[in-house]
Amino acid sequence: MHARGPTNRERRNAEVGGNNAAVCASQTNALSRRAIIALSLPALPMYALMVPLAVFLPAYYAESLGIGMAAAGTIFALGRVFDVVTDPFAGVMMDRLQHLVRRQWWLGIGAVPIALAVVNLFFVAGDVSTGRLFFWLLCLYLGWTLMSVALFSWAAETSHDYHERSRVMAGIQAANSLGSVLVLVLPVAVEWLGAAGEVGELRVRSMGTLILLALPVSVFLALRFGPPSRTRAERATRIPFWQGVGIAARSSALRRLLAADFAIGLSLGIGTSMAVFFIEIVLGHPGRAGTIQLLSLLVGLVFVPLWVVFARRFEKHRALGVTAILSGFGGLFALWVPAGNFALYLVGSLVLAMGIGGMQFLPRAIMADVLDHDRVESGEERAGLYYAFLTTTLKVGLGAGIAVAFYLADLGGFDPGAARATGEGVHIVRYITGVSSVVMALACLLAIWRFPLDREAQATLRRALQGSNQVTRPPR
């Protein structure tokens, strides 16, 4: 007669406490709302940085500070390429030192270079050398790497449940969107109330001020009230770096997820870097780029909990595919919307914004499931390395998107000053914005189609990690 299999509650208890049954019986998977909020808070200033980096700073340095389109695109792209090296090594360092330095402590370490870089990037005027811009971008990206890898790997270790992981990562995305909204409130006020000739400089300085105020407060609250890790190793990882990378590379789930995330980053990089030019020059609404971005982010924030519900019902990878479809429709709309029709473009932008939040947090929630596969394969706890991969694909995609967009615009003869005066070359910006969204949406959809890790596969992995002799080793 077969023994009774474990119930769902028993499996959850076993996952939470490992071998300690007494501890397991007293714990549940669900994290408190306060714990998720505290954990998510550092994402507010971190992702508030992404708005000026992707939307306003490249255009500000290219036009207002006179660096030029090609030079600005090159510098911002090279800064992102720097992360190809720093991200994986930061992740490995955190994995090897996790028995000494908790992942959340790296949030405070990374906040220091970010604060110094913000001061030297957002509060400048007059002639600026490309060398100075490049140096402080590297400092900012280094700090952002430490904070982002620490935050997501910490978040991934707070729950073993397939759906609870969506809830945790959605909390981070909500803080992400809220930070982006808050950092745009002051620029929007500047656009509507400031003098036309000072808009570029004033909105950049206002964003820098908000980031500097939010950074130390959010990190302190996260360290004070955030949840503990449930899978933190008590020893350093022992797998050599390249052997560990080889194990990761054999995972088809990881390859697909990274490809999808890179396509998302590339699409966001192209679209956001062209947003100021598209809205203010192509569509003829000067000084309104911040307003459009703010409304879009508010819509994205509202839809984050809805994507959590959708992912719970239809699987996380299917929800990500739907967000890609929305992005493709947004690209088609950009190719079609007539110049001068502000209301029509606003409607199209808000429809596109529905999927942006899900497009950003769902890959991070899915990566927590991919980590379970690595735990079975390697026997190690390597959240740092895996989230470093994911951080790299997004940032390189964003940086490459800026470079591609600016180079194509320069190649097509687009000059912001001349275009504002004569409208020359505006069709180039429209094609870059629209076509790129459609192509990258298709790439993301193909990568995530038939994704091998759903809720049943993740449950199989968790049982394998518990050592059940009834479960075979899951396929790659």
Protein backbone atom coordinates (compact mmCIF):
# COMPACT_ATOMS: atom_id res chain seq x y z
CA MET A 1 0.00 0.00 0.00
CA HIS A 2 1.39 3.35 -0.95
CA ALA A 3 2.15 5.87 1.74
CA ARG A 4 0.09 9.04 1.74
CA GLY A 5 1.81 11.81 -0.22
CA PRO A 6 2.49 15.16 1.41
CA THR A 7 -0.29 17.72 1.38
CA ASN A 8 0.17 21.20 -0.04
CA ARG A 9 0.51 22.62 3.45
CA GLU A 10 3.11 20.05 4.41
CA ARG A 11 5.10 20.78 1.25
CA ARG A 12 4.97 24.51 1.93
CA ASN A 13 6.16 24.00 5.49
CA ALA A 14 8.98 21.74 4.33
CA GLU A 15 10.12 24.29 1.77
CA VAL A 16 10.18 27.17 4.23
CA GLY A 17 12.12 25.47 6.97
CA GLY A 18 14.21 22.89 5.19
CA ASN A 19 15.09 20.09 7.60
CA ASN A 20 13.74 21.72 10.74
CA ALA A 21 10.16 20.44 10.98
CA ALA A 22 9.37 22.40 14.11
CA VAL A 23 10.27 25.66 12.43
CA CYS A 24 8.43 24.65 9.26
CA ALA A 25 5.18 24.06 11.09
CA SER A 26 5.16 27.59 12.45
CA GLN A 27 5.73 29.42 9.17
CA THR A 28 3.74 30.18 6.04
CA ASN A 29 4.83 31.25 2.59
CA ALA A 30 2.97 34.54 2.59
CA LEU A 31 5.06 37.57 3.45
CA SER A 32 3.45 40.46 5.27
CA ARG A 33 2.58 43.54 3.27
CA ARG A 34 4.89 45.63 5.46
CA ALA A 35 7.83 43.32 4.75
CA ILE A 36 7.28 43.47 0.98
CA ILE A 37 6.93 47.26 1.08
CA ALA A 38 10.15 47.61 3.09
CA LEU A 39 12.06 45.27 0.76
CA SER A 40 10.76 47.12 -2.30
CA LEU A 41 11.55 50.68 -1.17
CA PRO A 42 15.14 50.87 -2.54
CA ALA A 43 13.69 50.28 -6.02
CA LEU A 44 12.09 53.73 -5.77
CA PRO A 45 15.30 55.80 -6.11
CA MET A 46 17.06 53.08 -8.16
CA TYR A 47 14.45 53.08 -10.89
CA ALA A 48 13.78 56.77 -10.58
CA LEU A 49 17.29 56.98 -12.02
CA MET A 50 16.24 55.03 -15.11
CA VAL A 51 13.88 57.77 -16.30
CA PRO A 52 16.49 60.50 -16.66
CA LEU A 53 19.14 58.03 -17.84
CA ALA A 54 16.97 56.71 -20.63
CA VAL A 55 14.79 59.73 -21.46
CA PHE A 56 16.23 63.07 -20.38
CA LEU A 57 19.99 62.86 -19.75
CA PRO A 58 21.04 61.63 -23.24
CA ALA A 59 18.97 64.35 -24.90
CA TYR A 60 20.15 66.97 -22.37
CA TYR A 61 23.84 66.20 -22.90
CA ALA A 62 23.42 65.85 -26.67
CA GLU A 63 21.49 69.10 -27.20
CA SER A 64 21.75 71.47 -24.22
CA LEU A 65 25.36 70.68 -23.26
CA GLY A 66 26.52 70.39 -26.86
CA ILE A 67 28.07 66.91 -26.88
CA GLY A 68 26.13 65.85 -29.98
CA MET A 69 23.90 62.93 -30.90
CA ALA A 70 26.57 60.42 -31.94
CA ALA A 71 28.91 61.18 -29.01
CA ALA A 72 26.14 61.04 -26.42
CA GLY A 73 24.82 57.78 -27.84
CA THR A 74 28.30 56.24 -27.78
CA ILE A 75 29.05 57.26 -24.18
CA PHE A 76 25.74 56.06 -22.76
CA ALA A 77 26.09 52.78 -24.67
CA LEU A 78 29.69 52.19 -23.51
CA GLY A 79 28.60 52.81 -19.94
CA ARG A 80 26.09 50.01 -20.28
CA VAL A 81 28.64 47.69 -21.87
CA PHE A 82 30.75 48.19 -18.74
CA ASP A 83 28.01 46.30 -16.88
CA VAL A 84 28.65 43.17 -18.92
CA VAL A 85 31.75 42.74 -16.78
CA THR A 86 30.63 44.20 -13.46
CA ASP A 87 27.24 42.50 -13.19
CA PRO A 88 28.37 38.82 -13.24
CA PHE A 89 31.37 39.49 -11.02
CA ALA A 90 29.21 41.44 -8.57
CA GLY A 91 26.81 38.50 -8.45
CA VAL A 92 29.60 35.96 -7.92
CA MET A 93 31.13 38.15 -5.22
CA MET A 94 27.81 38.32 -3.36
CA ASP A 95 27.35 34.55 -3.65
CA ARG A 96 30.85 33.84 -2.36
CA LEU A 97 30.49 36.29 0.53
CA GLN A 98 26.88 35.56 1.46
CA HIS A 99 27.95 33.76 4.63
CA LEU A 100 29.72 36.98 5.72
CA VAL A 101 27.83 39.83 4.04
CA ARG A 102 24.08 39.56 3.72
CA ARG A 103 22.68 40.46 0.32
CA GLN A 104 20.66 43.37 1.67
CA TRP A 105 23.80 45.01 3.10
CA TRP A 106 25.06 45.53 -0.45
CA LEU A 107 22.21 48.00 -0.91
CA GLY A 108 23.96 50.45 1.41
CA ILE A 109 27.35 49.83 -0.21
CA GLY A 110 25.99 50.51 -3.70
CA ALA A 111 24.12 53.66 -2.63
CA VAL A 112 27.39 55.56 -2.04
CA PRO A 113 28.74 55.69 -5.65
CA ILE A 114 25.21 56.36 -6.91
CA ALA A 115 24.87 59.45 -4.73
CA LEU A 116 28.27 60.80 -5.82
CA ALA A 117 27.47 60.18 -9.49
CA VAL A 118 24.08 61.90 -9.30
CA VAL A 119 25.71 65.04 -7.92
CA ASN A 120 28.20 65.10 -10.79
CA LEU A 121 25.79 64.18 -13.59
CA PHE A 122 22.61 66.07 -12.76
CA PHE A 123 24.05 69.32 -11.43
CA VAL A 124 26.32 70.52 -14.24
CA ALA A 125 26.04 73.34 -16.75
CA GLY A 126 28.08 74.76 -19.59
CA ASP A 127 30.70 72.78 -21.47
CA VAL A 128 31.16 69.21 -20.22
CA SER A 129 33.89 66.88 -21.43
CA THR A 130 33.01 63.43 -22.69
CA GLY A 131 35.60 61.97 -20.31
CA ARG A 132 33.89 63.45 -17.25
CA LEU A 133 30.51 62.23 -18.42
CA PHE A 134 31.84 58.72 -19.02
CA PHE A 135 33.60 58.49 -15.63
CA TRP A 136 30.56 59.42 -13.59
CA LEU A 137 28.33 57.18 -15.66
CA LEU A 138 30.61 54.27 -14.77
CA CYS A 139 30.37 55.17 -11.06
CA LEU A 140 26.61 55.34 -11.29
CA TYR A 141 26.34 52.02 -13.12
CA LEU A 142 28.65 50.34 -10.61
CA GLY A 143 26.52 51.44 -7.68
CA TRP A 144 23.34 50.52 -9.54
CA THR A 145 24.75 47.05 -10.24
CA LEU A 146 25.45 46.41 -6.56
CA MET A 147 22.03 47.65 -5.49
CA SER A 148 19.99 45.92 -8.18
CA VAL A 149 21.69 42.51 -7.94
CA ALA A 150 21.43 42.64 -4.15
CA LEU A 151 17.78 43.67 -4.18
CA PHE A 152 16.52 41.05 -6.64
CA SER A 153 18.59 38.16 -5.29
CA TRP A 154 17.42 39.02 -1.76
CA ALA A 155 13.81 39.17 -3.00
CA ALA A 156 14.15 35.80 -4.77
CA GLU A 157 15.27 34.18 -1.52
CA THR A 158 12.26 35.30 0.53
CA SER A 159 9.78 32.70 -0.80
CA HIS A 160 9.68 29.29 -2.49
CA ASP A 161 6.13 29.63 -3.77
CA TYR A 162 5.54 30.12 -7.53
CA HIS A 163 2.82 32.74 -7.08
CA GLU A 164 4.29 34.42 -4.01
CA ARG A 165 7.36 35.23 -6.09
CA SER A 166 5.15 37.19 -8.47
CA ARG A 167 3.76 39.13 -5.52
CA VAL A 168 7.22 40.00 -4.19
CA MET A 169 8.57 41.08 -7.57
CA ALA A 170 5.38 43.02 -8.25
CA GLY A 171 6.02 44.93 -5.02
CA ILE A 172 9.43 45.92 -6.35
CA GLN A 173 7.87 46.89 -9.67
CA ALA A 174 5.29 49.02 -7.88
CA ALA A 175 8.10 50.86 -6.08
CA ASN A 176 9.89 51.11 -9.43
CA SER A 177 6.85 52.71 -11.06
CA LEU A 178 6.18 54.95 -8.07
CA GLY A 179 9.76 56.18 -8.13
CA SER A 180 9.49 56.88 -11.83
CA VAL A 181 6.23 58.76 -11.24
CA LEU A 182 7.66 60.84 -8.41
CA VAL A 183 10.81 61.70 -10.33
CA LEU A 184 8.65 63.00 -13.17
CA VAL A 185 6.34 65.18 -11.06
CA LEU A 186 8.90 67.98 -10.69
CA PRO A 187 9.95 67.96 -14.37
CA VAL A 188 6.29 68.15 -15.39
CA ALA A 189 5.85 71.16 -13.11
CA VAL A 190 8.95 72.68 -14.71
CA GLU A 191 7.54 72.04 -18.19
CA TRP A 192 4.27 73.79 -17.36
CA LEU A 193 5.58 76.60 -15.14
CA GLY A 194 9.24 77.15 -16.06
CA ALA A 195 10.70 79.40 -18.72
CA ALA A 196 10.97 77.66 -22.08
CA GLY A 197 14.73 78.18 -22.40
CA GLU A 198 15.45 76.67 -18.97
CA VAL A 199 13.25 73.58 -19.11
CA GLY A 200 16.03 71.11 -20.00
CA GLU A 201 18.38 72.09 -17.16
CA LEU A 202 15.71 72.61 -14.50
CA ARG A 203 13.98 69.28 -15.01
CA VAL A 204 17.28 67.37 -14.82
CA ARG A 205 18.25 69.14 -11.57
CA SER A 206 14.84 68.52 -10.03
CA MET A 207 15.10 64.79 -10.74
CA GLY A 208 18.58 64.64 -9.23
CA THR A 209 17.37 66.33 -6.04
CA LEU A 210 14.56 63.85 -5.52
CA ILE A 211 16.86 60.85 -6.04
CA LEU A 212 19.40 62.17 -3.53
CA LEU A 213 16.68 62.63 -0.89
CA ALA A 214 15.01 59.23 -1.41
CA LEU A 215 18.16 57.07 -1.61
CA PRO A 216 19.32 56.99 2.06
CA VAL A 217 15.79 56.86 3.51
CA SER A 218 14.68 53.90 1.39
CA VAL A 219 17.83 51.87 2.06
CA PHE A 220 17.54 52.42 5.82
CA LEU A 221 13.90 51.30 5.92
CA ALA A 222 14.66 48.21 3.82
CA LEU A 223 17.49 47.12 6.10
CA ARG A 224 15.39 47.79 9.20
CA PHE A 225 12.06 46.21 8.24
CA GLY A 226 12.72 43.93 5.24
CA PRO A 227 12.10 40.13 5.40
CA PRO A 228 14.84 37.57 6.03
CA SER A 229 16.20 35.26 3.36
CA ARG A 230 14.90 31.69 3.50
CA THR A 231 17.64 30.13 1.39
CA ARG A 232 20.76 32.03 2.46
CA ALA A 233 23.76 29.71 2.45
CA GLU A 234 25.95 29.46 5.51
CA ARG A 235 29.04 28.94 3.37
CA ALA A 236 30.50 30.41 0.20
CA THR A 237 29.70 28.91 -3.18
CA ARG A 238 32.39 26.46 -4.25
CA ILE A 239 31.81 26.15 -7.99
CA PRO A 240 34.47 28.00 -10.05
CA PHE A 241 33.15 30.98 -11.97
CA TRP A 242 33.39 29.58 -15.50
CA GLN A 243 32.10 26.16 -14.48
CA GLY A 244 29.11 27.90 -12.91
CA VAL A 245 28.53 29.95 -16.05
CA GLY A 246 28.66 26.72 -18.07
CA ILE A 247 25.98 25.13 -15.90
CA ALA A 248 23.83 28.24 -16.35
CA ALA A 249 24.37 28.29 -20.12
CA ARG A 250 22.98 24.78 -20.46
CA SER A 251 19.61 25.90 -19.15
CA SER A 252 17.22 26.54 -22.06
CA ALA A 253 14.90 28.36 -19.64
CA LEU A 254 17.65 30.81 -18.72
CA ARG A 255 18.63 31.39 -22.35
CA ARG A 256 15.05 32.09 -23.35
CA LEU A 257 14.44 34.40 -20.41
CA LEU A 258 17.61 36.42 -21.03
CA ALA A 259 16.77 36.75 -24.72
CA ALA A 260 13.30 38.03 -23.88
CA ASP A 261 14.66 40.47 -21.31
CA PHE A 262 17.27 41.77 -23.75
CA ALA A 263 14.57 42.40 -26.35
CA ILE A 264 12.54 44.26 -23.72
CA GLY A 265 15.55 46.38 -22.75
CA LEU A 266 16.40 47.16 -26.36
CA SER A 267 12.83 48.22 -27.09
CA LEU A 268 12.65 50.39 -23.98
CA GLY A 269 16.06 51.93 -24.72
CA ILE A 270 15.11 52.92 -28.26
CA GLY A 271 11.62 54.09 -27.38
CA THR A 272 12.50 56.13 -24.31
CA SER A 273 15.60 57.75 -25.81
CA MET A 274 13.51 58.91 -28.76
CA ALA A 275 10.53 59.93 -26.61
CA VAL A 276 11.53 63.57 -26.16
CA PHE A 277 12.19 64.01 -29.88
CA PHE A 278 9.10 62.05 -30.92
CA ILE A 279 6.67 63.91 -28.65
CA GLU A 280 8.12 67.40 -28.85
CA ILE A 281 9.33 67.51 -32.49
CA VAL A 282 7.61 64.80 -34.53
CA LEU A 283 4.19 65.30 -32.95
CA GLY A 284 4.69 69.01 -32.31
CA HIS A 285 4.11 69.20 -28.55
CA PRO A 286 7.18 71.03 -27.16
CA GLY A 287 7.80 70.75 -23.43
CA ARG A 288 5.26 67.93 -22.94
CA ALA A 289 7.48 64.81 -22.94
CA GLY A 290 7.53 64.65 -19.15
CA THR A 291 3.75 64.91 -18.98
CA ILE A 292 3.27 61.95 -21.35
CA GLN A 293 5.85 59.88 -19.49
CA LEU A 294 4.20 60.65 -16.14
CA LEU A 295 0.72 59.62 -17.27
CA SER A 296 2.09 56.44 -18.86
CA LEU A 297 3.88 55.47 -15.65
CA LEU A 298 0.73 56.04 -13.60
CA VAL A 299 -1.17 53.67 -15.87
CA GLY A 300 1.66 51.13 -15.64
CA LEU A 301 1.57 51.34 -11.82
CA VAL A 302 -2.20 50.75 -11.73
CA PHE A 303 -1.86 47.64 -13.91
CA VAL A 304 0.90 45.94 -11.83
CA PRO A 305 -1.53 44.10 -9.49
CA LEU A 306 -3.65 43.11 -12.47
CA TRP A 307 -0.65 41.42 -14.08
CA VAL A 308 -0.10 39.52 -10.82
CA VAL A 309 -3.67 38.21 -11.05
CA PHE A 310 -3.25 37.39 -14.75
CA ALA A 311 0.01 35.52 -14.08
CA ARG A 312 -1.63 33.54 -11.28
CA ARG A 313 -4.42 32.46 -13.61
CA PHE A 314 -2.53 31.91 -16.88
CA GLU A 315 1.17 31.43 -15.90
CA LYS A 316 3.88 34.07 -15.66
CA HIS A 317 5.45 33.46 -19.07
CA ARG A 318 2.08 33.76 -20.82
CA ALA A 319 1.46 37.07 -19.06
CA LEU A 320 4.85 38.27 -20.31
CA GLY A 321 3.89 37.29 -23.85
CA VAL A 322 0.74 39.42 -23.63
CA THR A 323 2.79 42.44 -22.53
CA ALA A 324 4.97 41.95 -25.63
CA ILE A 325 1.89 41.97 -27.84
CA LEU A 326 0.78 45.27 -26.30
CA SER A 327 4.24 46.69 -27.02
CA GLY A 328 3.97 45.69 -30.67
CA PHE A 329 0.62 47.42 -31.01
CA GLY A 330 2.21 50.52 -29.50
CA GLY A 331 4.83 50.49 -32.24
CA LEU A 332 2.20 50.25 -34.96
CA PHE A 333 0.37 53.16 -33.37
CA ALA A 334 3.53 55.30 -33.36
CA LEU A 335 3.92 54.71 -37.09
CA TRP A 336 0.37 55.83 -37.76
CA VAL A 337 -0.58 58.59 -35.29
CA PRO A 338 -0.76 61.98 -37.07
CA ALA A 339 1.29 64.95 -35.90
CA GLY A 340 -0.50 67.57 -33.84
CA ASN A 341 -3.18 65.26 -32.41
CA PHE A 342 -2.19 65.27 -28.74
CA ALA A 343 -5.32 63.52 -27.45
CA LEU A 344 -5.03 60.60 -29.87
CA TYR A 345 -1.36 60.04 -29.09
CA LEU A 346 -2.14 60.20 -25.37
CA VAL A 347 -4.70 57.41 -25.72
CA GLY A 348 -2.25 55.23 -27.66
CA SER A 349 0.50 55.86 -25.11
CA LEU A 350 -1.73 54.85 -22.22
CA VAL A 351 -2.75 51.60 -23.94
CA LEU A 352 0.92 50.79 -24.49
CA ALA A 353 1.68 51.68 -20.84
CA MET A 354 -0.66 48.95 -19.61
CA GLY A 355 1.97 46.32 -20.32
CA ILE A 356 5.12 48.16 -19.24
CA GLY A 357 4.94 47.21 -15.56
CA GLY A 358 4.38 43.52 -16.27
CA MET A 359 7.09 43.56 -18.90
CA GLN A 360 9.60 44.60 -16.22
CA PHE A 361 8.70 42.55 -13.14
CA LEU A 362 7.58 39.26 -14.72
CA PRO A 363 11.08 38.27 -15.95
CA ARG A 364 12.38 38.79 -12.38
CA ALA A 365 9.62 36.60 -10.97
CA ILE A 366 10.32 33.92 -13.58
CA MET A 367 14.05 34.02 -12.77
CA ALA A 368 13.29 32.89 -9.21
CA ASP A 369 11.89 29.68 -10.75
CA VAL A 370 14.94 29.31 -13.01
CA LEU A 371 17.03 29.51 -9.83
CA ASP A 372 15.29 26.40 -8.50
CA HIS A 373 16.54 24.55 -11.59
CA ASP A 374 20.08 25.73 -10.87
CA ARG A 375 19.82 24.63 -7.24
CA VAL A 376 19.00 21.12 -8.48
CA GLU A 377 21.78 21.16 -11.08
CA SER A 378 24.58 22.77 -9.07
CA GLY A 379 23.62 22.15 -5.45
CA GLU A 380 24.52 25.78 -4.71
CA GLU A 381 22.71 29.00 -3.85
CA ARG A 382 23.63 31.38 -6.71
CA ALA A 383 20.91 34.01 -6.78
CA GLY A 384 23.54 36.73 -7.16
CA LEU A 385 24.95 35.34 -10.41
CA TYR A 386 21.56 34.68 -11.96
CA TYR A 387 20.11 38.08 -11.18
CA ALA A 388 23.36 39.62 -12.38
CA PHE A 389 22.69 37.97 -15.75
CA LEU A 390 19.21 39.44 -15.80
CA THR A 391 20.42 42.87 -14.71
CA THR A 392 23.01 42.80 -17.48
CA THR A 393 20.57 41.95 -20.26
CA LEU A 394 18.22 44.77 -19.30
CA LYS A 395 20.92 47.40 -18.91
CA VAL A 396 22.84 46.38 -22.02
CA GLY A 397 19.57 46.33 -23.93
CA LEU A 398 18.75 49.84 -22.71
CA GLY A 399 22.23 51.13 -23.52
CA ALA A 400 22.35 49.47 -26.92
CA GLY A 401 18.89 50.85 -27.61
CA ILE A 402 20.08 54.40 -26.94
CA ALA A 403 23.11 53.89 -29.18
CA VAL A 404 21.12 52.30 -32.01
CA ALA A 405 18.47 55.00 -31.90
CA PHE A 406 20.93 57.90 -31.82
CA TYR A 407 23.15 56.44 -34.54
CA LEU A 408 20.21 55.76 -36.82
CA ALA A 409 18.88 59.25 -36.20
CA ASP A 410 22.29 60.75 -36.94
CA LEU A 411 22.69 58.56 -40.03
CA GLY A 412 19.29 59.69 -41.25
CA GLY A 413 20.29 63.33 -40.95
CA PHE A 414 18.19 64.14 -37.89
CA ASP A 415 19.42 67.20 -35.98
CA PRO A 416 17.27 68.27 -33.00
CA GLY A 417 17.89 71.99 -33.41
CA ALA A 418 17.19 72.04 -37.14
CA ALA A 419 14.20 69.72 -36.76
CA ARG A 420 12.60 71.99 -34.17
CA ALA A 421 12.91 74.90 -36.58
CA THR A 422 12.15 73.28 -39.94
CA GLY A 423 10.78 69.78 -39.26
CA GLU A 424 13.59 68.26 -41.31
CA GLY A 425 14.26 64.57 -40.65
CA VAL A 426 11.31 63.96 -38.33
CA HIS A 427 10.21 60.87 -40.30
CA ILE A 428 13.42 59.12 -39.20
CA VAL A 429 12.43 59.41 -35.54
CA ARG A 430 8.95 58.06 -36.30
CA TYR A 431 10.33 55.00 -38.12
CA ILE A 432 12.92 54.30 -35.42
CA THR A 433 10.29 54.47 -32.68
CA GLY A 434 7.61 52.42 -34.41
CA VAL A 435 9.53 49.71 -36.24
CA SER A 436 11.79 48.92 -33.28
CA SER A 437 8.79 48.32 -30.99
CA VAL A 438 7.23 45.86 -33.41
CA VAL A 439 10.46 43.94 -34.07
CA MET A 440 11.45 43.68 -30.40
CA ALA A 441 7.93 42.64 -29.40
CA LEU A 442 8.11 39.74 -31.85
CA ALA A 443 11.57 38.78 -30.57
CA CYS A 444 10.35 38.72 -26.95
CA LEU A 445 7.27 36.70 -27.89
CA LEU A 446 9.33 34.10 -29.77
CA ALA A 447 11.79 33.75 -26.87
CA ILE A 448 9.13 33.24 -24.22
CA TRP A 449 6.81 31.05 -26.34
CA ARG A 450 6.54 27.51 -24.90
CA PHE A 451 8.68 28.43 -21.91
CA PRO A 452 9.67 25.20 -20.11
CA LEU A 453 9.08 26.33 -16.50
CA ASP A 454 5.45 26.69 -15.47
CA ARG A 455 3.91 26.20 -12.04
CA GLU A 456 3.89 22.39 -12.36
CA ALA A 457 7.55 22.27 -13.42
CA GLN A 458 8.49 24.57 -10.54
CA ALA A 459 6.63 22.33 -8.08
CA THR A 460 8.61 19.36 -9.45
CA LEU A 461 11.85 21.25 -8.86
CA ARG A 462 10.87 22.07 -5.29
CA ARG A 463 10.12 18.41 -4.60
CA ALA A 464 13.47 17.44 -6.10
CA LEU A 465 15.17 19.92 -3.79
CA GLN A 466 13.42 18.31 -0.83
CA GLY A 467 15.06 15.01 -1.81
CA SER A 468 11.91 13.04 -2.72
CA ASN A 469 12.96 9.70 -4.24
CA GLN A 470 9.72 9.64 -6.24
CA VAL A 471 10.79 12.59 -8.41
CA THR A 472 13.24 12.25 -11.24
CA ARG A 473 15.82 14.87 -12.05
CA PRO A 474 14.00 17.55 -14.08
CA PRO A 475 15.09 18.03 -17.69
CA ARG A 476 16.94 21.12 -18.84
